[in-house]
Amino acid sequence: MSSTRRARKEEQKEERRRFIIDAAWQLFQETPYPEVTMAQVAERTRLAKGTLYLYFTTKEELFLAVVDQELSKWFHDVDIHLTHFCASRGDASAVRPRPSRARRGAPLASAEDASASVASILSTTLAARDAMTRLLGILHSVLEQNVSYEAALRFKLSLLGHIERTGVLLERCLPSLAPGHGGPTLIRMYALLIGMRQVCDPSDVIRDIRSRPDMGLFRINFGEEIRASFTHLLSGASAPPLAPERLGAAVLRGMSSVERRRPEG
């Protein structure tokens, strides 16, 4: 087989793979994950089940491919927004008069504004992808079931690449975020997202209980709460570290007068 024919064949295989992923994505949006079957995917794509299994050996492997595709789209969208945000802050800083040292609150306010803006970008783009975040809520239980090492590794490597690239952008948008801390911060936000998604998707019984007038505390709006959680996390991650002398003062303030008077030994 010539290299041209081989390349064309590989291109056709990739096109069919994307076609299957798109069909599965539509099914996952219409039907709860446990109810989706490979037979339904085969019917939706008009492919024989045997052909479908040539591309994805299990439903879980197909699920990971769907999540990977949708996460890639989200990261791409976020990267564009963060790039524009960084550029706008750079343009604004070029014309804005430099605050005097006497205005000690100004830099802090600017950092807080930046954290709130970045949190808004991340939370708004996630809230607009309701079906994707619902899949993320069950992602880790799926990863532990019926998935090959190769499929799981492929997914994790793809996710790692996205986190590393977007983490660098996050550090540019939040200069007070220490170099190398963008990625770990995104991981924490990812964990927050999964936890909040699970809390916001209760069983029918819990949903009925939440409808009681005295259970208002447990009726959570996903979009609002994820934005608030991201803002708090980014504000804390971006806060400048305390100088050693101030850290000592803070510790002393947290001690009771009895503890301060307690003799050593």
C-alpha atoms as a PDB file:
ATOM      1  CA  MET A   1       0.000   0.000   0.000  1.00  0.00           C
ATOM      2  CA  SER A   2       1.373   3.419  -0.962  1.00  0.00           C
ATOM      3  CA  SER A   3       1.965   6.054   1.683  1.00  0.00           C
ATOM      4  CA  THR A   4      -0.744   8.211   0.091  1.00  0.00           C
ATOM      5  CA  ARG A   5      -3.362   5.458   0.307  1.00  0.00           C
ATOM      6  CA  ARG A   6      -2.275   4.625   3.847  1.00  0.00           C
ATOM      7  CA  ALA A   7      -2.593   8.273   4.889  1.00  0.00           C
ATOM      8  CA  ARG A   8      -6.032   8.495   3.280  1.00  0.00           C
ATOM      9  CA  LYS A   9      -7.135   5.356   5.076  1.00  0.00           C
ATOM     10  CA  GLU A  10      -5.944   6.746   8.404  1.00  0.00           C
ATOM     11  CA  GLU A  11      -7.775  10.001   7.663  1.00  0.00           C
ATOM     12  CA  GLN A  12     -10.985   8.093   6.934  1.00  0.00           C
ATOM     13  CA  LYS A  13     -10.609   6.128  10.170  1.00  0.00           C
ATOM     14  CA  GLU A  14     -10.183   9.353  12.149  1.00  0.00           C
ATOM     15  CA  GLU A  15     -13.228  10.862  10.455  1.00  0.00           C
ATOM     16  CA  ARG A  16     -15.313   7.829  11.391  1.00  0.00           C
ATOM     17  CA  ARG A  17     -13.960   7.930  14.938  1.00  0.00           C
ATOM     18  CA  ARG A  18     -15.042  11.568  15.298  1.00  0.00           C
ATOM     19  CA  PHE A  19     -18.422  10.683  13.774  1.00  0.00           C
ATOM     20  CA  ILE A  20     -18.933   7.994  16.436  1.00  0.00           C
ATOM     21  CA  ILE A  21     -17.878  10.371  19.219  1.00  0.00           C
ATOM     22  CA  ASP A  22     -20.289  13.053  17.986  1.00  0.00           C
ATOM     23  CA  ALA A  23     -23.152  10.556  17.866  1.00  0.00           C
ATOM     24  CA  ALA A  24     -22.362   9.318  21.375  1.00  0.00           C
ATOM     25  CA  TRP A  25     -22.192  12.901  22.633  1.00  0.00           C
ATOM     26  CA  GLN A  26     -25.710  13.504  21.337  1.00  0.00           C
ATOM     27  CA  LEU A  27     -26.919  10.361  23.097  1.00  0.00           C
ATOM     28  CA  PHE A  28     -25.252  11.326  26.380  1.00  0.00           C
ATOM     29  CA  GLN A  29     -27.050  14.680  26.224  1.00  0.00           C
ATOM     30  CA  GLU A  30     -30.416  13.037  25.627  1.00  0.00           C
ATOM     31  CA  THR A  31     -30.132   9.995  27.888  1.00  0.00           C
ATOM     32  CA  PRO A  32     -28.664   9.364  31.358  1.00  0.00           C
ATOM     33  CA  TYR A  33     -25.265   7.728  31.052  1.00  0.00           C
ATOM     34  CA  PRO A  34     -26.254   4.357  32.626  1.00  0.00           C
ATOM     35  CA  GLU A  35     -29.037   3.943  30.051  1.00  0.00           C
ATOM     36  CA  VAL A  36     -26.859   4.520  26.984  1.00  0.00           C
ATOM     37  CA  THR A  37     -25.766   1.308  25.255  1.00  0.00           C
ATOM     38  CA  MET A  38     -23.297   0.567  22.501  1.00  0.00           C
ATOM     39  CA  ALA A  39     -26.235  -0.851  20.516  1.00  0.00           C
ATOM     40  CA  GLN A  40     -27.860   2.591  20.624  1.00  0.00           C
ATOM     41  CA  VAL A  41     -24.631   4.210  19.424  1.00  0.00           C
ATOM     42  CA  ALA A  42     -24.411   1.679  16.577  1.00  0.00           C
ATOM     43  CA  GLU A  43     -28.002   2.407  15.622  1.00  0.00           C
ATOM     44  CA  ARG A  44     -27.414   6.184  15.746  1.00  0.00           C
ATOM     45  CA  THR A  45     -24.330   5.900  13.521  1.00  0.00           C
ATOM     46  CA  ARG A  46     -25.827   3.161  11.303  1.00  0.00           C
ATOM     47  CA  LEU A  47     -22.732   1.092  11.864  1.00  0.00           C
ATOM     48  CA  ALA A  48     -22.576  -2.581  12.718  1.00  0.00           C
ATOM     49  CA  LYS A  49     -21.746  -3.219  16.371  1.00  0.00           C
ATOM     50  CA  GLY A  50     -18.683  -5.129  15.252  1.00  0.00           C
ATOM     51  CA  THR A  51     -17.452  -2.062  13.377  1.00  0.00           C
ATOM     52  CA  LEU A  52     -18.138   0.148  16.397  1.00  0.00           C
ATOM     53  CA  TYR A  53     -16.048  -2.110  18.634  1.00  0.00           C
ATOM     54  CA  LEU A  54     -13.112  -1.742  16.259  1.00  0.00           C
ATOM     55  CA  TYR A  55     -12.915   1.893  17.396  1.00  0.00           C
ATOM     56  CA  PHE A  56     -14.041   1.651  21.031  1.00  0.00           C
ATOM     57  CA  THR A  57     -13.908  -1.653  22.888  1.00  0.00           C
ATOM     58  CA  THR A  58     -16.235  -0.520  25.725  1.00  0.00           C
ATOM     59  CA  LYS A  59     -18.829   2.136  26.444  1.00  0.00           C
ATOM     60  CA  GLU A  60     -16.504   3.539  29.097  1.00  0.00           C
ATOM     61  CA  GLU A  61     -13.732   4.021  26.559  1.00  0.00           C
ATOM     62  CA  LEU A  62     -16.171   5.843  24.271  1.00  0.00           C
ATOM     63  CA  PHE A  63     -17.295   7.936  27.244  1.00  0.00           C
ATOM     64  CA  LEU A  64     -13.707   9.056  27.867  1.00  0.00           C
ATOM     65  CA  ALA A  65     -13.324  10.023  24.216  1.00  0.00           C
ATOM     66  CA  VAL A  66     -16.515  12.106  24.410  1.00  0.00           C
ATOM     67  CA  VAL A  67     -15.384  13.869  27.588  1.00  0.00           C
ATOM     68  CA  ASP A  68     -11.937  14.474  26.079  1.00  0.00           C
ATOM     69  CA  GLN A  69     -13.488  16.074  22.999  1.00  0.00           C
ATOM     70  CA  GLU A  70     -15.797  18.354  24.986  1.00  0.00           C
ATOM     71  CA  LEU A  71     -13.083  19.316  27.472  1.00  0.00           C
ATOM     72  CA  SER A  72     -10.800  20.204  24.561  1.00  0.00           C
ATOM     73  CA  LYS A  73     -13.482  22.544  23.213  1.00  0.00           C
ATOM     74  CA  TRP A  74     -13.925  24.121  26.671  1.00  0.00           C
ATOM     75  CA  PHE A  75     -10.195  24.622  27.217  1.00  0.00           C
ATOM     76  CA  HIS A  76      -9.907  26.190  23.753  1.00  0.00           C
ATOM     77  CA  ASP A  77     -12.741  28.595  24.573  1.00  0.00           C
ATOM     78  CA  VAL A  78     -11.228  29.452  27.963  1.00  0.00           C
ATOM     79  CA  ASP A  79      -7.772  30.015  26.468  1.00  0.00           C
ATOM     80  CA  ILE A  80      -9.232  32.544  24.025  1.00  0.00           C
ATOM     81  CA  HIS A  81     -11.059  34.386  26.823  1.00  0.00           C
ATOM     82  CA  LEU A  82      -8.009  34.413  29.094  1.00  0.00           C
ATOM     83  CA  THR A  83      -5.768  35.626  26.270  1.00  0.00           C
ATOM     84  CA  HIS A  84      -8.141  38.518  25.574  1.00  0.00           C
ATOM     85  CA  PHE A  85      -8.362  39.295  29.283  1.00  0.00           C
ATOM     86  CA  CYS A  86      -4.574  39.373  29.641  1.00  0.00           C
ATOM     87  CA  ALA A  87      -4.314  41.651  26.603  1.00  0.00           C
ATOM     88  CA  SER A  88      -6.967  44.025  27.940  1.00  0.00           C
ATOM     89  CA  ARG A  89      -5.201  44.291  31.294  1.00  0.00           C
ATOM     90  CA  GLY A  90      -1.922  44.956  29.526  1.00  0.00           C
ATOM     91  CA  ASP A  91      -3.448  47.709  27.421  1.00  0.00           C
ATOM     92  CA  ALA A  92      -5.145  49.241  30.418  1.00  0.00           C
ATOM     93  CA  SER A  93      -1.998  49.186  32.535  1.00  0.00           C
ATOM     94  CA  ALA A  94      -0.113  51.048  29.820  1.00  0.00           C
ATOM     95  CA  VAL A  95      -2.369  54.112  30.097  1.00  0.00           C
ATOM     96  CA  ARG A  96      -3.496  53.911  33.704  1.00  0.00           C
ATOM     97  CA  PRO A  97      -1.517  56.208  36.062  1.00  0.00           C
ATOM     98  CA  ARG A  98       0.631  54.308  38.483  1.00  0.00           C
ATOM     99  CA  PRO A  99      -0.926  54.285  41.989  1.00  0.00           C
ATOM    100  CA  SER A 100       1.008  55.993  44.713  1.00  0.00           C
ATOM    101  CA  ARG A 101       2.573  53.911  47.446  1.00  0.00           C
ATOM    102  CA  ALA A 102       0.287  55.601  49.920  1.00  0.00           C
ATOM    103  CA  ARG A 103      -2.690  53.857  48.322  1.00  0.00           C
ATOM    104  CA  ARG A 104      -1.837  50.481  49.769  1.00  0.00           C
ATOM    105  CA  GLY A 105      -5.297  49.098  49.055  1.00  0.00           C
ATOM    106  CA  ALA A 106      -5.125  49.680  45.296  1.00  0.00           C
ATOM    107  CA  PRO A 107      -2.914  46.690  44.321  1.00  0.00           C
ATOM    108  CA  LEU A 108      -4.994  44.372  46.486  1.00  0.00           C
ATOM    109  CA  ALA A 109      -8.225  45.621  44.936  1.00  0.00           C
ATOM    110  CA  SER A 110      -6.741  45.101  41.460  1.00  0.00           C
ATOM    111  CA  ALA A 111      -5.763  41.527  42.310  1.00  0.00           C
ATOM    112  CA  GLU A 112      -9.229  40.851  43.695  1.00  0.00           C
ATOM    113  CA  ASP A 113     -10.827  42.278  40.545  1.00  0.00           C
ATOM    114  CA  ALA A 114      -8.617  40.082  38.376  1.00  0.00           C
ATOM    115  CA  SER A 115      -9.480  36.982  40.410  1.00  0.00           C
ATOM    116  CA  ALA A 116     -13.197  37.744  40.150  1.00  0.00           C
ATOM    117  CA  SER A 117     -12.922  38.295  36.386  1.00  0.00           C
ATOM    118  CA  VAL A 118     -11.003  35.072  35.778  1.00  0.00           C
ATOM    119  CA  ALA A 119     -13.423  33.147  38.015  1.00  0.00           C
ATOM    120  CA  SER A 120     -16.288  34.583  35.980  1.00  0.00           C
ATOM    121  CA  ILE A 121     -14.689  33.449  32.710  1.00  0.00           C
ATOM    122  CA  LEU A 122     -14.169  29.908  33.982  1.00  0.00           C
ATOM    123  CA  SER A 123     -17.521  29.509  35.732  1.00  0.00           C
ATOM    124  CA  THR A 124     -19.616  31.104  32.974  1.00  0.00           C
ATOM    125  CA  THR A 125     -18.115  28.905  30.254  1.00  0.00           C
ATOM    126  CA  LEU A 126     -18.677  25.824  32.427  1.00  0.00           C
ATOM    127  CA  ALA A 127     -22.256  26.728  33.344  1.00  0.00           C
ATOM    128  CA  ALA A 128     -22.987  27.067  29.628  1.00  0.00           C
ATOM    129  CA  ARG A 129     -21.893  23.429  29.189  1.00  0.00           C
ATOM    130  CA  ASP A 130     -24.384  21.733  31.474  1.00  0.00           C
ATOM    131  CA  ALA A 131     -24.221  18.334  29.771  1.00  0.00           C
ATOM    132  CA  MET A 132     -20.421  18.285  29.889  1.00  0.00           C
ATOM    133  CA  THR A 133     -20.259  19.138  33.590  1.00  0.00           C
ATOM    134  CA  ARG A 134     -22.792  16.398  34.330  1.00  0.00           C
ATOM    135  CA  LEU A 135     -20.508  13.901  32.610  1.00  0.00           C
ATOM    136  CA  LEU A 136     -17.564  15.241  34.598  1.00  0.00           C
ATOM    137  CA  GLY A 137     -19.549  14.537  37.755  1.00  0.00           C
ATOM    138  CA  ILE A 138     -19.372  10.793  37.025  1.00  0.00           C
ATOM    139  CA  LEU A 139     -16.008  10.789  35.265  1.00  0.00           C
ATOM    140  CA  HIS A 140     -13.911   9.262  38.030  1.00  0.00           C
ATOM    141  CA  SER A 141     -16.324   6.454  38.779  1.00  0.00           C
ATOM    142  CA  VAL A 142     -16.212   5.587  35.069  1.00  0.00           C
ATOM    143  CA  LEU A 143     -12.412   5.750  34.932  1.00  0.00           C
ATOM    144  CA  GLU A 144     -12.260   2.967  37.496  1.00  0.00           C
ATOM    145  CA  GLN A 145     -14.459   0.623  35.470  1.00  0.00           C
ATOM    146  CA  ASN A 146     -13.796  -1.328  32.304  1.00  0.00           C
ATOM    147  CA  VAL A 147     -11.209   1.047  30.838  1.00  0.00           C
ATOM    148  CA  SER A 148      -7.881  -0.104  29.472  1.00  0.00           C
ATOM    149  CA  TYR A 149      -4.600   1.373  30.636  1.00  0.00           C
ATOM    150  CA  GLU A 150      -3.991   2.777  27.162  1.00  0.00           C
ATOM    151  CA  ALA A 151      -7.380   4.539  26.973  1.00  0.00           C
ATOM    152  CA  ALA A 152      -7.038   6.004  30.472  1.00  0.00           C
ATOM    153  CA  LEU A 153      -3.455   7.117  29.779  1.00  0.00           C
ATOM    154  CA  ARG A 154      -4.478   8.743  26.502  1.00  0.00           C
ATOM    155  CA  PHE A 155      -7.198  10.701  28.286  1.00  0.00           C
ATOM    156  CA  LYS A 156      -4.923  11.770  31.145  1.00  0.00           C
ATOM    157  CA  LEU A 157      -2.152  12.900  28.795  1.00  0.00           C
ATOM    158  CA  SER A 158      -4.629  15.003  26.843  1.00  0.00           C
ATOM    159  CA  LEU A 159      -5.966  16.538  30.064  1.00  0.00           C
ATOM    160  CA  LEU A 160      -2.427  17.181  31.304  1.00  0.00           C
ATOM    161  CA  GLY A 161      -1.547  19.069  28.147  1.00  0.00           C
ATOM    162  CA  HIS A 162      -4.632  21.288  28.464  1.00  0.00           C
ATOM    163  CA  ILE A 163      -4.003  22.001  32.146  1.00  0.00           C
ATOM    164  CA  GLU A 164      -0.363  22.910  31.556  1.00  0.00           C
ATOM    165  CA  ARG A 165      -1.184  25.325  28.722  1.00  0.00           C
ATOM    166  CA  THR A 166      -4.144  26.960  30.456  1.00  0.00           C
ATOM    167  CA  GLY A 167      -2.220  27.043  33.742  1.00  0.00           C
ATOM    168  CA  VAL A 168       0.427  29.245  32.111  1.00  0.00           C
ATOM    169  CA  LEU A 169      -2.313  31.597  30.866  1.00  0.00           C
ATOM    170  CA  LEU A 170      -3.811  31.675  34.351  1.00  0.00           C
ATOM    171  CA  GLU A 171      -0.467  32.798  35.771  1.00  0.00           C
ATOM    172  CA  ARG A 172      -0.251  35.573  33.182  1.00  0.00           C
ATOM    173  CA  CYS A 173      -3.735  36.817  34.056  1.00  0.00           C
ATOM    174  CA  LEU A 174      -3.008  36.644  37.789  1.00  0.00           C
ATOM    175  CA  PRO A 175       0.588  37.876  38.245  1.00  0.00           C
ATOM    176  CA  SER A 176       0.379  37.311  41.989  1.00  0.00           C
ATOM    177  CA  LEU A 177      -0.068  33.597  41.277  1.00  0.00           C
ATOM    178  CA  ALA A 178       3.375  32.048  41.724  1.00  0.00           C
ATOM    179  CA  PRO A 179       5.043  30.518  38.644  1.00  0.00           C
ATOM    180  CA  GLY A 180       4.106  26.878  38.306  1.00  0.00           C
ATOM    181  CA  HIS A 181       0.976  27.270  40.454  1.00  0.00           C
ATOM    182  CA  GLY A 182      -1.457  27.695  37.552  1.00  0.00           C
ATOM    183  CA  GLY A 183      -1.795  23.977  36.887  1.00  0.00           C
ATOM    184  CA  PRO A 184      -2.308  22.927  40.534  1.00  0.00           C
ATOM    185  CA  THR A 185      -4.869  25.734  40.915  1.00  0.00           C
ATOM    186  CA  LEU A 186      -6.807  24.382  37.937  1.00  0.00           C
ATOM    187  CA  ILE A 187      -6.730  20.906  39.502  1.00  0.00           C
ATOM    188  CA  ARG A 188      -8.283  22.324  42.683  1.00  0.00           C
ATOM    189  CA  MET A 189     -10.932  24.074  40.622  1.00  0.00           C
ATOM    190  CA  TYR A 190     -11.572  20.812  38.783  1.00  0.00           C
ATOM    191  CA  ALA A 191     -12.152  19.020  42.098  1.00  0.00           C
ATOM    192  CA  LEU A 192     -14.492  21.824  43.201  1.00  0.00           C
ATOM    193  CA  LEU A 193     -16.417  21.513  39.960  1.00  0.00           C
ATOM    194  CA  ILE A 194     -16.903  17.756  40.309  1.00  0.00           C
ATOM    195  CA  GLY A 195     -18.002  18.058  43.929  1.00  0.00           C
ATOM    196  CA  MET A 196     -20.422  20.895  43.195  1.00  0.00           C
ATOM    197  CA  ARG A 197     -21.856  19.056  40.187  1.00  0.00           C
ATOM    198  CA  GLN A 198     -22.562  15.997  42.326  1.00  0.00           C
ATOM    199  CA  VAL A 199     -24.170  18.111  45.045  1.00  0.00           C
ATOM    200  CA  CYS A 200     -26.377  19.828  42.461  1.00  0.00           C
ATOM    201  CA  ASP A 201     -27.535  16.545  40.889  1.00  0.00           C
ATOM    202  CA  PRO A 202     -29.277  14.697  43.733  1.00  0.00           C
ATOM    203  CA  SER A 203     -31.480  11.631  43.542  1.00  0.00           C
ATOM    204  CA  ASP A 204     -35.240  12.046  43.186  1.00  0.00           C
ATOM    205  CA  VAL A 205     -35.712  11.430  46.915  1.00  0.00           C
ATOM    206  CA  ILE A 206     -33.218  14.134  47.911  1.00  0.00           C
ATOM    207  CA  ARG A 207     -34.691  16.496  45.323  1.00  0.00           C
ATOM    208  CA  ASP A 208     -38.116  16.056  46.950  1.00  0.00           C
ATOM    209  CA  ILE A 209     -36.627  16.736  50.381  1.00  0.00           C
ATOM    210  CA  ARG A 210     -34.922  19.873  49.096  1.00  0.00           C
ATOM    211  CA  SER A 211     -38.288  21.203  47.935  1.00  0.00           C
ATOM    212  CA  ARG A 212     -39.427  21.546  51.562  1.00  0.00           C
ATOM    213  CA  PRO A 213     -39.620  25.183  52.748  1.00  0.00           C
ATOM    214  CA  ASP A 214     -37.125  24.526  55.560  1.00  0.00           C
ATOM    215  CA  MET A 215     -34.500  23.033  53.196  1.00  0.00           C
ATOM    216  CA  GLY A 216     -33.639  26.168  51.267  1.00  0.00           C
ATOM    217  CA  LEU A 217     -29.973  25.950  52.284  1.00  0.00           C
ATOM    218  CA  PHE A 218     -29.605  22.798  50.205  1.00  0.00           C
ATOM    219  CA  ARG A 219     -31.155  24.223  47.045  1.00  0.00           C
ATOM    220  CA  ILE A 220     -27.976  25.192  45.204  1.00  0.00           C
ATOM    221  CA  ASN A 221     -27.635  27.022  41.909  1.00  0.00           C
ATOM    222  CA  PHE A 222     -24.677  25.404  40.158  1.00  0.00           C
ATOM    223  CA  GLY A 223     -23.605  28.441  38.132  1.00  0.00           C
ATOM    224  CA  GLU A 224     -23.750  30.856  41.050  1.00  0.00           C
ATOM    225  CA  GLU A 225     -22.005  28.548  43.492  1.00  0.00           C
ATOM    226  CA  ILE A 226     -19.221  27.523  41.155  1.00  0.00           C
ATOM    227  CA  ARG A 227     -18.489  31.175  40.436  1.00  0.00           C
ATOM    228  CA  ALA A 228     -18.373  32.023  44.146  1.00  0.00           C
ATOM    229  CA  SER A 229     -16.175  28.995  44.874  1.00  0.00           C
ATOM    230  CA  PHE A 230     -13.755  29.802  42.046  1.00  0.00           C
ATOM    231  CA  THR A 231     -13.552  33.441  43.154  1.00  0.00           C
ATOM    232  CA  HIS A 232     -12.666  32.469  46.726  1.00  0.00           C
ATOM    233  CA  LEU A 233     -10.108  29.930  45.549  1.00  0.00           C
ATOM    234  CA  LEU A 234      -8.404  32.312  43.119  1.00  0.00           C
ATOM    235  CA  SER A 235      -8.417  35.177  45.619  1.00  0.00           C
ATOM    236  CA  GLY A 236      -6.675  32.970  48.162  1.00  0.00           C
ATOM    237  CA  ALA A 237      -4.257  31.518  45.607  1.00  0.00           C
ATOM    238  CA  SER A 238      -3.371  34.993  44.366  1.00  0.00           C
ATOM    239  CA  ALA A 239      -2.904  36.588  47.765  1.00  0.00           C
ATOM    240  CA  PRO A 240       0.738  37.623  48.320  1.00  0.00           C
ATOM    241  CA  PRO A 241       2.475  35.583  51.045  1.00  0.00           C
ATOM    242  CA  LEU A 242       2.924  37.228  54.418  1.00  0.00           C
ATOM    243  CA  ALA A 243       6.397  38.502  55.209  1.00  0.00           C
ATOM    244  CA  PRO A 244       8.064  36.531  58.031  1.00  0.00           C
ATOM    245  CA  GLU A 245       7.620  39.349  60.555  1.00  0.00           C
ATOM    246  CA  ARG A 246       3.940  39.775  59.623  1.00  0.00           C
ATOM    247  CA  LEU A 247       3.413  36.025  59.733  1.00  0.00           C
ATOM    248  CA  GLY A 248       4.727  35.985  63.279  1.00  0.00           C
ATOM    249  CA  ALA A 249       2.371  38.794  64.243  1.00  0.00           C
ATOM    250  CA  ALA A 250      -0.556  36.949  62.686  1.00  0.00           C
ATOM    251  CA  VAL A 251       0.254  33.795  64.617  1.00  0.00           C
ATOM    252  CA  LEU A 252       0.516  35.761  67.854  1.00  0.00           C
ATOM    253  CA  ARG A 253      -2.842  37.399  67.248  1.00  0.00           C
ATOM    254  CA  GLY A 254      -4.377  33.949  66.874  1.00  0.00           C
ATOM    255  CA  MET A 255      -3.063  32.824  70.267  1.00  0.00           C
ATOM    256  CA  SER A 256      -4.945  33.436  73.450  1.00  0.00           C
ATOM    257  CA  SER A 257      -3.383  35.588  76.133  1.00  0.00           C
ATOM    258  CA  VAL A 258      -2.993  32.477  78.289  1.00  0.00           C
ATOM    259  CA  GLU A 259      -1.021  30.722  75.558  1.00  0.00           C
ATOM    260  CA  ARG A 260       1.269  33.737  75.129  1.00  0.00           C
ATOM    261  CA  ARG A 261       2.023  33.769  78.828  1.00  0.00           C
ATOM    262  CA  ARG A 262       2.621  30.027  79.036  1.00  0.00           C
ATOM    263  CA  PRO A 263       6.295  29.430  79.949  1.00  0.00           C
ATOM    264  CA  GLU A 264       8.405  27.248  77.701  1.00  0.00           C
ATOM    265  CA  GLY A 265       9.114  23.714  78.787  1.00  0.00           C
END
